[in-house]
N, C-alpha and C. Protein backbone atom coordinates (compact mmCIF):
# COMPACT_ATOMS: atom_id res chain seq x y z
N MET A 1 36.45 13.35 -106.35
CA MET A 1 35.27 14.27 -106.48
C MET A 1 34.18 14.04 -105.21
N VAL A 2 33.66 15.03 -104.44
CA VAL A 2 33.21 15.02 -103.05
C VAL A 2 31.63 14.88 -103.46
N ALA A 3 30.95 13.83 -103.26
CA ALA A 3 29.48 13.84 -103.27
C ALA A 3 28.97 14.95 -102.76
N GLY A 4 27.60 15.63 -103.27
CA GLY A 4 27.12 16.58 -102.87
C GLY A 4 25.54 16.16 -102.24
N PRO A 5 24.58 16.76 -102.08
CA PRO A 5 23.29 16.30 -101.44
C PRO A 5 22.61 15.67 -102.89
N PRO A 6 21.62 14.94 -102.38
CA PRO A 6 20.95 14.47 -103.12
C PRO A 6 19.86 15.49 -104.35
N LEU A 7 20.01 15.27 -105.42
CA LEU A 7 19.48 16.24 -106.42
C LEU A 7 18.05 16.62 -105.97
N SER A 8 17.61 17.41 -105.58
CA SER A 8 16.00 17.91 -105.20
C SER A 8 15.29 18.38 -106.27
N HIS A 9 15.73 18.95 -107.71
CA HIS A 9 14.90 19.42 -108.23
C HIS A 9 15.27 18.77 -109.44
N LEU A 10 14.53 18.69 -110.79
CA LEU A 10 14.89 18.07 -112.13
C LEU A 10 15.80 18.66 -112.45
N PHE A 11 16.00 19.99 -112.55
CA PHE A 11 17.28 20.72 -112.73
C PHE A 11 17.21 22.11 -112.09
N GLN A 12 18.54 23.00 -112.22
CA GLN A 12 18.81 23.75 -111.44
C GLN A 12 17.74 24.98 -112.14
N PRO A 13 16.56 25.34 -111.59
CA PRO A 13 15.44 26.33 -112.04
C PRO A 13 15.44 27.58 -112.46
N MET A 14 16.43 28.21 -111.50
CA MET A 14 16.73 29.43 -110.61
C MET A 14 17.65 30.36 -111.78
N ARG A 15 17.02 31.66 -112.23
CA ARG A 15 17.98 32.41 -112.99
C ARG A 15 17.68 33.76 -112.39
N HIS A 16 18.80 34.35 -112.66
CA HIS A 16 19.04 35.58 -112.10
C HIS A 16 18.75 35.73 -110.40
N GLY A 17 19.30 34.82 -109.64
CA GLY A 17 19.29 35.06 -108.45
C GLY A 17 20.59 33.96 -107.45
N THR A 18 20.22 34.02 -105.91
CA THR A 18 20.97 33.03 -105.19
C THR A 18 19.94 31.94 -104.35
N GLU A 19 20.25 30.94 -103.76
CA GLU A 19 19.49 29.92 -103.37
C GLU A 19 20.81 29.64 -102.27
N THR A 20 20.01 29.36 -101.02
CA THR A 20 20.83 29.11 -99.94
C THR A 20 21.13 27.34 -99.96
N MET A 21 22.60 26.89 -98.95
CA MET A 21 23.08 25.55 -99.21
C MET A 21 22.44 25.24 -97.88
N GLY A 22 22.06 23.61 -98.05
CA GLY A 22 21.49 23.22 -97.06
C GLY A 22 20.22 22.96 -96.58
N ASP A 23 19.66 22.42 -95.56
CA ASP A 23 18.45 22.37 -95.58
C ASP A 23 18.10 23.43 -94.43
N ARG A 24 17.41 24.34 -94.80
CA ARG A 24 17.03 25.33 -93.75
C ARG A 24 15.90 25.03 -92.55
N SER A 25 15.20 23.82 -92.70
CA SER A 25 14.56 23.43 -91.76
C SER A 25 15.16 22.89 -90.73
N GLN A 26 16.66 22.57 -90.63
CA GLN A 26 17.29 22.14 -89.51
C GLN A 26 18.08 23.05 -88.96
N SER A 27 18.15 24.51 -89.52
CA SER A 27 18.66 25.72 -88.97
C SER A 27 18.06 25.73 -87.30
N THR A 28 19.45 26.42 -86.62
CA THR A 28 19.07 26.49 -85.07
C THR A 28 19.11 27.96 -84.95
N ASP A 29 18.75 28.95 -85.93
CA ASP A 29 18.58 30.11 -85.59
C ASP A 29 16.86 30.11 -85.18
N PRO A 30 16.38 30.85 -83.94
CA PRO A 30 15.17 30.75 -83.38
C PRO A 30 14.26 31.54 -84.55
N VAL A 31 14.57 32.48 -84.83
CA VAL A 31 13.63 32.81 -86.30
C VAL A 31 13.44 32.10 -87.45
N VAL A 32 14.33 31.28 -87.71
CA VAL A 32 13.99 29.96 -88.73
C VAL A 32 13.32 29.23 -88.28
N GLN A 33 13.75 28.67 -87.01
CA GLN A 33 12.76 27.48 -86.38
C GLN A 33 11.44 28.10 -86.21
N ALA A 34 11.16 29.27 -85.78
CA ALA A 34 9.80 29.71 -85.85
C ALA A 34 8.90 29.60 -87.18
N LEU A 35 9.89 30.04 -87.88
CA LEU A 35 9.13 29.98 -89.27
C LEU A 35 8.77 28.80 -89.60
N PHE A 36 9.40 27.68 -89.59
CA PHE A 36 9.08 26.29 -90.21
C PHE A 36 8.24 25.67 -89.24
N LYS A 37 8.15 26.10 -87.96
CA LYS A 37 6.83 25.66 -87.14
C LYS A 37 5.69 26.45 -87.32
N SER A 38 5.61 27.56 -87.86
CA SER A 38 4.65 28.15 -88.33
C SER A 38 3.79 27.48 -89.91
N PHE A 39 4.82 26.64 -90.51
CA PHE A 39 4.24 25.68 -91.49
C PHE A 39 3.22 24.85 -91.36
N ASP A 40 3.26 24.17 -90.28
CA ASP A 40 2.97 22.80 -89.73
C ASP A 40 1.40 22.88 -89.92
N ALA A 41 0.85 24.03 -89.59
CA ALA A 41 -0.58 23.93 -89.26
C ALA A 41 -1.17 24.25 -90.54
N PRO A 42 -0.91 24.74 -91.72
CA PRO A 42 -1.05 25.03 -93.14
C PRO A 42 -0.71 23.80 -93.87
N ILE A 43 0.42 22.86 -93.66
CA ILE A 43 0.53 21.56 -93.83
C ILE A 43 -0.49 20.59 -93.56
N ARG A 44 -1.03 20.60 -92.39
CA ARG A 44 -1.63 19.65 -91.81
C ARG A 44 -3.17 20.05 -92.36
N ASP A 45 -3.62 21.21 -92.58
CA ASP A 45 -5.02 21.59 -93.02
C ASP A 45 -4.67 21.20 -94.49
N TYR A 46 -3.60 21.22 -95.28
CA TYR A 46 -3.94 20.72 -96.50
C TYR A 46 -4.08 19.15 -96.70
N LEU A 47 -3.09 18.56 -95.78
CA LEU A 47 -3.57 17.12 -95.88
C LEU A 47 -4.86 16.73 -95.23
N ASP A 48 -5.72 17.28 -94.77
CA ASP A 48 -6.72 17.18 -94.11
C ASP A 48 -7.97 17.26 -95.40
N ARG A 49 -7.27 18.51 -96.06
CA ARG A 49 -8.47 18.84 -97.33
C ARG A 49 -8.45 17.79 -98.67
N ILE A 50 -6.81 17.40 -98.58
CA ILE A 50 -6.93 16.33 -99.80
C ILE A 50 -7.29 15.04 -99.51
N GLY A 51 -7.56 14.69 -98.15
CA GLY A 51 -8.11 13.60 -97.76
C GLY A 51 -7.18 12.40 -98.57
N ALA A 52 -7.49 10.98 -98.32
CA ALA A 52 -6.95 9.72 -98.93
C ALA A 52 -7.96 9.34 -100.18
N GLY A 53 -7.25 8.59 -100.95
CA GLY A 53 -7.60 8.14 -102.19
C GLY A 53 -6.72 7.42 -102.71
N ALA A 54 -7.06 6.88 -104.38
CA ALA A 54 -6.23 5.93 -104.85
C ALA A 54 -5.19 6.62 -105.75
N ASP A 55 -5.28 7.99 -105.82
CA ASP A 55 -4.33 8.85 -106.83
C ASP A 55 -3.10 8.70 -106.33
N PRO A 56 -2.07 9.17 -107.00
CA PRO A 56 -0.46 9.38 -106.78
C PRO A 56 -0.32 10.42 -105.39
N LEU A 57 -1.18 11.47 -105.40
CA LEU A 57 -1.24 12.35 -104.44
C LEU A 57 -1.67 11.79 -102.93
N ARG A 58 -2.91 11.54 -102.94
CA ARG A 58 -3.86 11.13 -101.95
C ARG A 58 -3.32 10.06 -101.50
N ARG A 59 -2.86 8.64 -101.99
CA ARG A 59 -2.81 7.46 -101.66
C ARG A 59 -1.21 7.43 -100.64
N ARG A 60 -0.40 8.28 -100.64
CA ARG A 60 0.51 8.58 -99.52
C ARG A 60 0.16 9.33 -98.48
N ASN A 61 -1.24 9.75 -98.23
CA ASN A 61 -1.39 10.74 -97.26
C ASN A 61 -1.66 10.10 -96.21
N ALA A 62 -0.76 9.72 -95.25
CA ALA A 62 -0.72 9.39 -93.79
C ALA A 62 -1.19 10.28 -92.80
N GLY A 63 -1.46 11.24 -93.21
CA GLY A 63 -1.65 12.42 -92.09
C GLY A 63 -0.63 12.78 -91.17
N SER A 64 0.74 12.27 -91.69
CA SER A 64 1.77 13.25 -90.98
C SER A 64 2.69 13.68 -92.17
N HIS A 65 3.79 14.35 -91.85
CA HIS A 65 4.56 14.66 -92.98
C HIS A 65 5.99 14.83 -92.15
N ARG A 66 7.16 14.99 -93.05
CA ARG A 66 8.18 15.82 -92.52
C ARG A 66 9.01 16.46 -93.99
N PHE A 67 9.77 17.40 -93.48
CA PHE A 67 10.33 18.01 -94.33
C PHE A 67 11.87 17.40 -95.04
N SER A 68 11.68 16.93 -96.49
CA SER A 68 12.72 16.62 -96.75
C SER A 68 13.64 17.41 -97.73
N GLY A 69 13.48 18.92 -97.64
CA GLY A 69 14.47 19.80 -98.08
C GLY A 69 13.85 21.19 -97.95
N SER A 70 14.69 22.60 -97.71
CA SER A 70 14.26 23.22 -97.75
C SER A 70 15.43 24.19 -98.02
N TRP A 71 15.04 25.83 -98.77
CA TRP A 71 15.90 26.50 -99.14
C TRP A 71 15.06 27.85 -99.21
N ALA A 72 15.99 29.02 -99.23
CA ALA A 72 15.56 30.12 -99.56
C ALA A 72 16.12 30.95 -100.68
N VAL A 73 15.38 31.67 -101.41
CA VAL A 73 15.69 32.02 -102.96
C VAL A 73 15.57 33.34 -102.90
N LYS A 74 16.89 34.14 -103.16
CA LYS A 74 16.69 35.80 -103.57
C LYS A 74 16.78 35.80 -105.02
N LEU A 75 15.97 36.44 -105.60
CA LEU A 75 15.60 36.65 -107.12
C LEU A 75 16.32 38.54 -107.38
N HIS A 76 16.77 38.59 -108.21
CA HIS A 76 16.98 40.27 -108.86
C HIS A 76 16.16 40.23 -110.19
N ALA A 77 15.63 41.09 -110.63
CA ALA A 77 15.13 41.52 -111.97
C ALA A 77 16.26 41.17 -113.13
N PRO A 78 15.92 40.57 -114.05
CA PRO A 78 14.67 40.00 -114.30
C PRO A 78 14.53 38.55 -114.22
N GLY A 79 14.86 38.18 -112.68
CA GLY A 79 14.49 36.92 -111.88
C GLY A 79 13.04 35.93 -112.23
N PHE A 80 13.58 34.80 -112.50
CA PHE A 80 12.27 33.75 -112.57
C PHE A 80 13.10 32.50 -112.17
N HIS A 81 12.36 31.38 -112.11
CA HIS A 81 12.22 29.96 -112.13
C HIS A 81 11.70 29.39 -113.69
N GLN A 82 12.49 28.75 -114.18
CA GLN A 82 11.89 27.70 -115.19
C GLN A 82 11.23 26.85 -114.76
N ASN A 83 10.39 26.24 -115.48
CA ASN A 83 9.27 25.47 -115.33
C ASN A 83 10.03 23.94 -114.91
N HIS A 84 9.64 23.58 -113.93
CA HIS A 84 10.18 22.24 -113.18
C HIS A 84 9.28 21.35 -112.12
N VAL A 85 10.06 20.44 -111.87
CA VAL A 85 9.18 19.38 -110.87
C VAL A 85 10.33 19.02 -109.73
N HIS A 86 9.89 18.97 -108.64
CA HIS A 86 10.88 18.28 -107.74
C HIS A 86 10.37 16.88 -107.45
N PRO A 87 11.35 15.49 -108.14
CA PRO A 87 11.08 14.36 -108.03
C PRO A 87 11.43 13.66 -106.56
N ASN A 88 11.76 14.62 -105.52
CA ASN A 88 12.21 13.94 -104.32
C ASN A 88 10.99 14.46 -103.35
N GLY A 89 10.17 14.90 -103.65
CA GLY A 89 9.22 15.49 -102.65
C GLY A 89 8.09 14.67 -103.12
N TRP A 90 6.94 15.20 -102.17
CA TRP A 90 5.38 14.88 -102.24
C TRP A 90 4.44 16.10 -102.45
N ILE A 91 4.85 17.06 -101.30
CA ILE A 91 4.34 18.12 -101.67
C ILE A 91 5.59 19.39 -101.32
N SER A 92 5.49 20.42 -102.48
CA SER A 92 6.06 21.49 -102.67
C SER A 92 5.33 22.54 -102.03
N SER A 93 6.13 23.95 -102.07
CA SER A 93 5.47 24.66 -101.45
C SER A 93 6.46 26.26 -101.97
N ALA A 94 5.77 27.29 -101.63
CA ALA A 94 6.75 28.58 -101.90
C ALA A 94 5.97 29.56 -100.83
N CYS A 95 6.84 29.93 -100.39
CA CYS A 95 6.46 31.15 -99.34
C CYS A 95 7.07 32.37 -99.69
N TYR A 96 5.96 33.49 -99.91
CA TYR A 96 6.70 34.78 -100.14
C TYR A 96 7.04 35.86 -98.91
N ILE A 97 8.26 35.97 -98.66
CA ILE A 97 8.76 36.90 -97.49
C ILE A 97 8.87 37.97 -97.90
N ASP A 98 9.29 38.57 -99.21
CA ASP A 98 9.57 40.04 -99.56
C ASP A 98 9.20 40.10 -100.87
N LEU A 99 8.50 40.93 -101.37
CA LEU A 99 8.28 41.14 -102.89
C LEU A 99 8.85 42.76 -103.52
N PRO A 100 9.19 42.57 -104.55
CA PRO A 100 9.31 43.68 -105.24
C PRO A 100 7.97 44.64 -105.40
N ASP A 101 7.58 45.94 -105.36
CA ASP A 101 6.56 46.63 -105.23
C ASP A 101 5.54 46.35 -106.72
N VAL A 102 6.42 46.36 -107.67
CA VAL A 102 5.78 45.85 -108.95
C VAL A 102 5.14 44.49 -109.02
N ILE A 103 5.53 43.62 -108.04
CA ILE A 103 4.67 42.32 -107.99
C ILE A 103 3.52 42.44 -107.12
N GLY A 104 3.31 43.37 -106.64
CA GLY A 104 2.19 43.93 -105.75
C GLY A 104 1.19 44.49 -106.70
N ASP A 105 1.31 44.65 -107.67
CA ASP A 105 0.33 45.12 -108.64
C ASP A 105 -0.28 43.90 -109.33
N ALA A 106 -1.68 44.19 -109.12
CA ALA A 106 -2.38 42.83 -109.10
C ALA A 106 -2.69 42.68 -111.16
N GLN A 107 -2.61 43.91 -111.51
CA GLN A 107 -2.84 44.12 -112.79
C GLN A 107 -1.68 43.58 -114.02
N ASN A 108 -0.79 43.06 -113.12
CA ASN A 108 0.76 43.05 -113.60
C ASN A 108 1.14 41.61 -113.75
N ARG A 109 1.56 40.92 -114.49
CA ARG A 109 1.75 39.32 -114.46
C ARG A 109 3.34 39.19 -113.63
N ASP A 110 4.02 40.17 -113.64
CA ASP A 110 5.50 39.91 -112.91
C ASP A 110 5.12 39.08 -111.69
N GLY A 111 6.39 37.94 -111.80
CA GLY A 111 6.48 37.29 -110.42
C GLY A 111 5.84 36.16 -110.62
N MET A 112 4.40 36.13 -111.08
CA MET A 112 3.44 35.16 -111.22
C MET A 112 3.73 33.81 -111.04
N LEU A 113 3.27 32.90 -110.12
CA LEU A 113 3.63 31.62 -109.93
C LEU A 113 2.74 30.62 -111.20
N THR A 114 3.16 30.05 -111.76
CA THR A 114 2.28 29.09 -113.16
C THR A 114 2.65 27.91 -112.47
N PHE A 115 1.56 26.75 -113.14
CA PHE A 115 1.15 25.44 -113.01
C PHE A 115 0.84 25.09 -114.34
N ALA A 116 1.48 23.79 -114.51
CA ALA A 116 1.03 22.88 -115.67
C ALA A 116 1.56 23.29 -117.06
N GLU A 117 2.75 24.23 -117.11
CA GLU A 117 3.23 24.58 -118.13
C GLU A 117 4.46 23.58 -118.55
N PRO A 118 4.98 22.35 -118.89
CA PRO A 118 5.96 21.84 -118.94
C PRO A 118 7.09 22.77 -119.29
N GLY A 119 8.48 22.02 -118.46
CA GLY A 119 9.67 23.05 -118.88
C GLY A 119 10.39 21.88 -119.78
N ILE A 120 9.62 21.46 -120.87
CA ILE A 120 10.16 20.67 -122.04
C ILE A 120 9.39 21.17 -123.02
N LEU A 121 10.04 20.97 -124.43
CA LEU A 121 9.33 21.40 -125.16
C LEU A 121 8.26 20.38 -125.86
N THR A 122 7.04 20.70 -126.49
CA THR A 122 5.87 19.99 -126.34
C THR A 122 5.25 20.65 -127.44
N THR A 123 4.55 19.65 -128.59
CA THR A 123 3.79 19.92 -129.68
C THR A 123 2.24 19.34 -129.39
N PRO A 124 1.30 20.16 -129.25
CA PRO A 124 1.32 21.84 -129.25
C PRO A 124 2.01 22.00 -128.21
N HIS A 125 2.53 23.56 -128.07
CA HIS A 125 2.52 24.34 -126.84
C HIS A 125 1.80 24.01 -125.80
N LEU A 126 1.80 23.52 -124.47
CA LEU A 126 0.79 23.60 -123.31
C LEU A 126 1.08 24.85 -122.37
N PRO A 127 0.42 25.53 -122.81
CA PRO A 127 0.49 26.69 -121.71
C PRO A 127 0.14 26.63 -120.11
N PRO A 128 0.57 27.34 -119.17
CA PRO A 128 0.12 26.86 -118.19
C PRO A 128 -1.23 27.12 -117.54
N GLU A 129 -2.07 26.26 -116.65
CA GLU A 129 -3.26 25.80 -116.46
C GLU A 129 -3.88 26.80 -115.52
N HIS A 130 -2.89 26.94 -114.59
CA HIS A 130 -3.48 27.61 -113.18
C HIS A 130 -2.32 28.86 -112.88
N LYS A 131 -2.98 30.10 -112.41
CA LYS A 131 -1.82 30.87 -111.81
C LYS A 131 -1.54 31.69 -110.57
N VAL A 132 -0.89 32.02 -110.07
CA VAL A 132 -1.13 32.44 -108.72
C VAL A 132 -0.18 33.52 -108.53
N HIS A 133 -0.96 34.87 -108.13
CA HIS A 133 -0.39 36.12 -108.10
C HIS A 133 0.36 36.06 -106.42
N PRO A 134 1.94 36.41 -106.48
CA PRO A 134 2.34 36.35 -104.99
C PRO A 134 1.65 37.39 -104.15
N ALA A 135 1.79 37.21 -102.92
CA ALA A 135 1.47 38.29 -101.90
C ALA A 135 2.42 37.90 -100.78
N VAL A 136 3.00 38.86 -100.15
CA VAL A 136 3.86 38.66 -99.25
C VAL A 136 3.10 38.11 -98.25
N GLY A 137 3.78 36.90 -97.06
CA GLY A 137 2.96 36.04 -96.13
C GLY A 137 2.14 35.11 -96.66
N THR A 138 2.31 34.53 -98.07
CA THR A 138 1.35 33.72 -98.54
C THR A 138 2.43 32.31 -98.96
N LEU A 139 1.70 31.46 -98.26
CA LEU A 139 2.12 30.19 -98.51
C LEU A 139 1.69 29.33 -99.47
N VAL A 140 1.73 28.90 -100.65
CA VAL A 140 1.19 28.04 -101.60
C VAL A 140 1.67 26.71 -101.13
N LEU A 141 0.94 26.06 -101.29
CA LEU A 141 1.47 24.34 -101.46
C LEU A 141 0.72 23.38 -102.23
N PHE A 142 1.46 22.68 -103.31
CA PHE A 142 0.95 22.19 -104.26
C PHE A 142 1.88 20.45 -104.24
N PRO A 143 1.08 19.76 -105.18
CA PRO A 143 1.90 18.39 -105.38
C PRO A 143 3.53 18.53 -106.09
N SER A 144 4.29 17.79 -105.58
CA SER A 144 5.73 18.07 -106.25
C SER A 144 5.68 17.99 -107.38
N TYR A 145 4.69 16.99 -107.92
CA TYR A 145 4.84 16.64 -109.48
C TYR A 145 4.62 17.56 -110.60
N PHE A 146 3.29 18.59 -109.73
CA PHE A 146 3.24 19.67 -110.85
C PHE A 146 4.57 20.26 -111.45
N TRP A 147 4.28 20.48 -112.69
CA TRP A 147 5.39 21.47 -113.33
C TRP A 147 4.85 22.71 -112.85
N ARG A 148 5.98 23.66 -112.35
CA ARG A 148 5.59 25.02 -112.05
C ARG A 148 7.14 25.94 -112.36
N GLY A 149 6.60 26.89 -112.69
CA GLY A 149 7.45 28.25 -112.37
C GLY A 149 6.94 29.70 -112.34
N THR A 150 8.22 30.74 -112.67
CA THR A 150 7.37 31.94 -112.25
C THR A 150 7.80 32.78 -113.42
N VAL A 151 7.32 33.78 -113.58
CA VAL A 151 7.31 34.93 -114.67
C VAL A 151 8.30 35.84 -114.10
N PRO A 152 9.19 36.06 -114.95
CA PRO A 152 10.18 37.23 -114.76
C PRO A 152 9.42 38.37 -114.42
N PHE A 153 10.44 39.19 -113.14
CA PHE A 153 9.86 40.12 -112.95
C PHE A 153 10.95 41.32 -113.22
N SER A 154 10.31 42.81 -113.06
CA SER A 154 11.17 43.97 -113.40
C SER A 154 11.40 44.78 -112.57
N GLY A 155 12.19 45.74 -112.37
CA GLY A 155 12.31 46.81 -111.17
C GLY A 155 13.79 46.73 -110.77
N LYS A 156 14.21 47.38 -109.65
CA LYS A 156 15.32 47.30 -108.92
C LYS A 156 15.27 46.50 -107.61
N GLN A 157 13.98 45.99 -107.25
CA GLN A 157 14.06 45.41 -105.68
C GLN A 157 13.92 44.14 -105.98
N SER A 158 14.53 43.30 -105.02
CA SER A 158 14.54 41.81 -105.43
C SER A 158 13.21 41.16 -104.73
N ARG A 159 13.54 39.64 -104.73
CA ARG A 159 12.10 38.76 -104.38
C ARG A 159 12.93 37.66 -103.54
N LEU A 160 12.16 37.79 -102.25
CA LEU A 160 12.86 36.57 -101.28
C LEU A 160 11.61 35.88 -101.12
N THR A 161 11.87 34.31 -101.31
CA THR A 161 11.08 33.41 -101.01
C THR A 161 11.51 32.24 -100.26
N VAL A 162 10.86 31.60 -99.32
CA VAL A 162 11.46 30.43 -98.79
C VAL A 162 10.48 29.33 -99.26
N ALA A 163 11.03 27.78 -99.70
CA ALA A 163 10.81 26.83 -100.39
C ALA A 163 10.87 25.56 -99.55
N PHE A 164 10.00 24.81 -99.58
CA PHE A 164 10.60 23.01 -99.09
C PHE A 164 9.44 22.19 -99.66
N ASP A 165 9.81 20.95 -99.68
CA ASP A 165 9.51 19.81 -100.04
C ASP A 165 9.00 18.93 -98.63
N VAL A 166 8.05 18.07 -98.75
CA VAL A 166 7.63 17.43 -97.83
C VAL A 166 7.18 15.85 -98.23
N VAL A 167 7.37 15.14 -97.21
CA VAL A 167 7.01 13.85 -97.70
C VAL A 167 6.43 13.13 -96.65
N PRO A 168 5.53 11.97 -96.91
CA PRO A 168 4.90 11.36 -95.89
C PRO A 168 5.58 10.61 -94.82
N ASN A 169 5.46 11.30 -93.47
CA ASN A 169 6.31 10.70 -92.54
C ASN A 169 5.37 9.17 -91.85
N LEU A 170 5.88 8.36 -92.81
CA LEU A 170 5.46 7.21 -92.67
C LEU A 170 5.65 6.27 -91.02
N ARG A 171 6.86 6.54 -90.45
CA ARG A 171 7.17 6.10 -89.37
C ARG A 171 6.08 6.41 -88.20
N HIS A 172 5.74 8.13 -88.45
CA HIS A 172 4.68 8.51 -87.19
C HIS A 172 3.71 7.98 -87.60
N ALA A 173 3.24 7.82 -88.88
CA ALA A 173 1.89 7.28 -88.95
C ALA A 173 1.47 5.40 -88.92
N GLY A 174 2.81 4.98 -88.00
CA GLY A 174 3.00 3.50 -88.02
C GLY A 174 2.83 2.63 -89.22
N MET A 175 3.06 3.22 -90.50
CA MET A 175 3.30 2.40 -91.54
C MET A 175 4.79 1.62 -91.80
N MET A 176 5.42 1.84 -90.94
CA MET A 176 6.95 1.03 -90.96
C MET A 176 7.45 0.26 -90.19
């Protein structure tokens, strides 16, 4: 048996779609390189905003980062992501590249990104505590340990997102 890449998600949460193989942040395509360069400023801003502290998120904030995995996902209706976490990341993301028209309707829950609803059975049921309505061009950053998923969407159009995980760049910060 050939060993594959390290597990990047607790389990494969995607339903009704396809995901790219390999780390997209390492692509030699100039357009993909430009996309990942464009993520640097929002990530640095996020790190500045969370600051330093003793909690699990902020205590690792050395002010610099590196990508630890990235991929693109194309979903078809009724596509969604089951609630999951990324144990190999520190900060995770969702960047909306192309969305079906039905997701653009703010009155509709289709395609909504949800947080804090566990992907395991709990008693009592724990509903999402936070929701983000997707918009083309939006980059959402959040701690990798947050449970997150998406609401299925309808229609005939597909949804395209790029996602990545980052970890602290301890060498750059002089911590190794």
